[in-house]
Amino acid sequence: MSEEYNPDIVTLSDDEGKEYTFEVLDAIECDLGRYLALLPVFDDPQKLLDDSGELVIVKVEEENGEEFFSEIEDDDEYDTIADAFVDRLADKFEIDEQ
């Protein structure tokens, strides 16, 4: 029996309404909140090659029963969560820590 890979895909819009598509690589829930590690998805293979491959990390928040994603504005919070994702994902992916 083969297992089919079906990634979790999310589409986010910036302030100007431009949409970006991401694959959800991992999720972490801790005392600080719930977070997602995202990797950009591209239709054009050249854009994939040109991309830095850097993770996008967002905080999952809730308002009026609806979830939304927000930037992590606190540097210490971001560093803590980014380190946690790198530790978790290092076993699955080759991660270049700069």
Protein backbone atom coordinates (compact mmCIF):
# COMPACT_ATOMS: atom_id res chain seq x y z
CA MET A 1 0.00 0.00 0.00
CA SER A 2 1.53 3.31 -1.03
CA GLU A 3 1.10 6.49 0.91
CA GLU A 4 0.37 9.55 -1.16
CA TYR A 5 1.98 12.84 -0.17
CA ASN A 6 -0.58 15.64 0.12
CA PRO A 7 1.07 18.78 1.44
CA ASP A 8 -0.83 21.39 3.42
CA ILE A 9 -0.95 24.46 1.20
CA VAL A 10 -1.92 27.96 2.35
CA THR A 11 -2.28 31.17 0.39
CA LEU A 12 -1.43 34.45 2.10
CA SER A 13 -2.02 37.99 0.89
CA ASP A 14 0.17 40.98 1.60
CA ASP A 15 -1.08 44.49 2.39
CA GLU A 16 -1.41 45.26 -1.33
CA GLY A 17 -3.48 42.14 -2.03
CA LYS A 18 -0.73 40.16 -3.79
CA GLU A 19 -1.11 36.45 -3.05
CA TYR A 20 1.68 34.02 -2.15
CA THR A 21 1.40 30.25 -1.85
CA PHE A 22 3.21 28.25 0.82
CA GLU A 23 3.58 24.66 1.94
CA VAL A 24 3.21 24.12 5.69
CA LEU A 25 6.32 22.21 6.77
CA ASP A 26 5.73 22.12 10.51
CA ALA A 27 3.68 23.58 13.35
CA ILE A 28 4.69 24.32 16.93
CA GLU A 29 2.46 25.13 19.86
CA CYS A 30 4.08 26.45 23.05
CA ASP A 31 3.52 28.93 25.86
CA LEU A 32 4.13 31.79 23.42
CA GLY A 33 1.42 30.65 20.99
CA ARG A 34 0.99 28.57 17.85
CA TYR A 35 3.34 28.96 14.89
CA LEU A 36 3.77 27.59 11.37
CA ALA A 37 6.95 27.11 9.35
CA LEU A 38 6.16 27.76 5.68
CA LEU A 39 8.10 27.25 2.46
CA PRO A 40 7.17 29.19 -0.70
CA VAL A 41 5.59 27.18 -3.54
CA PHE A 42 6.26 28.25 -7.13
CA ASP A 43 4.63 27.23 -10.42
CA ASP A 44 7.67 28.43 -12.37
CA PRO A 45 10.71 26.14 -11.85
CA GLN A 46 13.10 29.08 -12.40
CA LYS A 47 11.53 30.99 -9.50
CA LEU A 48 12.07 27.93 -7.31
CA LEU A 49 15.75 27.88 -8.28
CA ASP A 50 16.09 31.64 -7.66
CA ASP A 51 14.41 31.49 -4.23
CA SER A 52 16.59 31.64 -1.11
CA GLY A 53 14.83 28.61 0.39
CA GLU A 54 14.38 30.54 3.61
CA LEU A 55 11.54 29.49 5.92
CA VAL A 56 8.69 31.89 6.51
CA ILE A 57 7.48 31.70 10.10
CA VAL A 58 4.09 33.07 11.09
CA LYS A 59 2.09 33.19 14.28
CA VAL A 60 -1.42 31.74 14.22
CA GLU A 61 -3.86 34.05 15.97
CA GLU A 62 -7.60 33.96 16.46
CA GLU A 63 -10.15 36.72 16.34
CA ASN A 64 -13.93 36.28 16.47
CA GLY A 65 -13.49 32.52 16.06
CA GLU A 66 -11.45 32.86 12.85
CA GLU A 67 -7.77 32.03 12.51
CA PHE A 68 -5.35 34.34 10.76
CA PHE A 69 -1.59 34.49 10.38
CA SER A 70 0.54 37.40 11.53
CA GLU A 71 4.19 38.40 11.43
CA ILE A 72 6.22 37.89 14.57
CA GLU A 73 7.33 41.40 15.43
CA ASP A 74 9.26 40.67 18.63
CA ASP A 75 12.85 39.68 17.75
CA ASP A 76 13.33 37.49 20.84
CA GLU A 77 10.07 35.65 20.19
CA TYR A 78 11.04 35.14 16.53
CA ASP A 79 14.52 33.85 17.42
CA THR A 80 13.10 31.41 19.98
CA ILE A 81 10.55 30.00 17.53
CA ALA A 82 12.96 29.95 14.57
CA ASP A 83 15.50 27.98 16.63
CA ALA A 84 12.81 25.50 17.65
CA PHE A 85 11.80 24.95 14.02
CA VAL A 86 15.42 24.55 12.88
CA ASP A 87 15.99 21.94 15.60
CA ARG A 88 12.86 20.02 14.59
CA LEU A 89 13.37 20.25 10.83
CA ALA A 90 17.14 19.61 10.77
CA ASP A 91 16.53 15.85 10.83
CA LYS A 92 14.33 15.99 7.71
CA PHE A 93 15.97 18.73 5.65
CA GLU A 94 19.45 20.07 5.00
CA ILE A 95 19.40 23.41 6.82
CA ASP A 96 22.19 25.95 6.41
CA GLU A 97 22.32 27.91 9.68
CA GLN A 98 23.81 31.33 8.99
